[in-house]
Amino acid sequence: MSEQQVPASVAQRVIIKFLTKEGVKPCEILTRLKVQYGDDTLSKTQVFDWAKKFKSGRESVENVSHNRRPTI
């Protein structure tokens, strides 16, 4: 069976979801992610936003697709 690579951002969201359900605060989650991912860690804003979404009941770790054009 072949292994599929999970993007680092998705892997981090899984961790954020798990730790949020464990009651870990976003600032501690960020610290722990930085230890494991270093410069590839999601931003503080992203970590806090995802933690808030998961705390509010969100289940999916995938981004919601949209039809907007990217802003520059």
Protein backbone atom coordinates (compact mmCIF):
# COMPACT_ATOMS: atom_id res chain seq x y z
CA MET A 1 0.00 0.00 0.00
CA SER A 2 1.42 3.42 -0.93
CA GLU A 3 1.72 6.24 1.56
CA GLN A 4 0.01 9.53 0.83
CA GLN A 5 1.67 12.72 1.93
CA VAL A 6 -0.55 15.03 3.97
CA PRO A 7 0.25 18.72 3.49
CA ALA A 8 1.85 20.24 6.60
CA SER A 9 -0.95 22.78 6.94
CA VAL A 10 -3.59 20.02 7.05
CA ALA A 11 -1.53 17.97 9.51
CA GLN A 12 -1.27 21.01 11.77
CA ARG A 13 -5.03 21.57 11.59
CA VAL A 14 -5.57 17.96 12.72
CA ILE A 15 -3.29 18.64 15.69
CA ILE A 16 -5.08 21.92 16.45
CA LYS A 17 -8.43 20.10 16.34
CA PHE A 18 -7.23 17.35 18.66
CA LEU A 19 -5.58 19.67 21.18
CA THR A 20 -8.58 22.03 21.17
CA LYS A 21 -10.85 19.08 22.04
CA GLU A 22 -8.39 18.25 24.84
CA GLY A 23 -8.90 21.78 26.21
CA VAL A 24 -5.44 23.10 25.32
CA LYS A 25 -5.34 26.88 24.82
CA PRO A 26 -4.38 28.27 21.39
CA CYS A 27 -1.19 29.93 22.72
CA GLU A 28 0.03 26.53 24.00
CA ILE A 29 -0.97 24.85 20.74
CA LEU A 30 1.09 27.42 18.82
CA THR A 31 4.11 26.82 21.05
CA ARG A 32 3.88 23.07 20.56
CA LEU A 33 3.48 23.39 16.79
CA LYS A 34 6.56 25.64 16.60
CA VAL A 35 8.63 22.95 18.34
CA GLN A 36 7.63 20.38 15.71
CA TYR A 37 7.29 22.46 12.54
CA GLY A 38 9.66 25.39 13.11
CA ASP A 39 9.47 27.92 10.27
CA ASP A 40 6.72 25.89 8.58
CA THR A 41 4.30 26.48 11.47
CA LEU A 42 0.98 28.13 10.66
CA SER A 43 0.80 31.78 11.70
CA LYS A 44 -0.49 32.78 15.13
CA THR A 45 -3.65 34.16 13.51
CA GLN A 46 -4.26 30.90 11.63
CA VAL A 47 -3.76 28.77 14.75
CA PHE A 48 -6.12 30.94 16.81
CA ASP A 49 -8.73 31.05 14.00
CA TRP A 50 -8.70 27.27 13.50
CA ALA A 51 -8.88 26.66 17.26
CA LYS A 52 -11.91 28.96 17.44
CA LYS A 53 -13.59 27.13 14.54
CA PHE A 54 -13.00 23.72 16.11
CA LYS A 55 -14.17 24.93 19.52
CA SER A 56 -17.38 26.15 17.84
CA GLY A 57 -18.02 22.66 16.49
CA ARG A 58 -16.34 22.57 13.10
CA GLU A 59 -15.26 19.04 12.17
CA SER A 60 -13.54 19.40 8.78
CA VAL A 61 -9.83 20.21 8.63
CA GLU A 62 -10.07 21.11 4.94
CA ASN A 63 -10.33 24.66 3.63
CA VAL A 64 -13.73 25.65 2.32
CA SER A 65 -13.50 26.22 -1.41
CA HIS A 66 -14.69 29.53 -2.75
CA ASN A 67 -15.13 31.23 -6.11
CA ARG A 68 -13.41 34.49 -5.24
CA ARG A 69 -10.40 35.72 -7.07
CA PRO A 70 -7.27 35.96 -4.94
CA THR A 71 -6.40 39.43 -3.73
CA ILE A 72 -2.99 40.91 -4.30
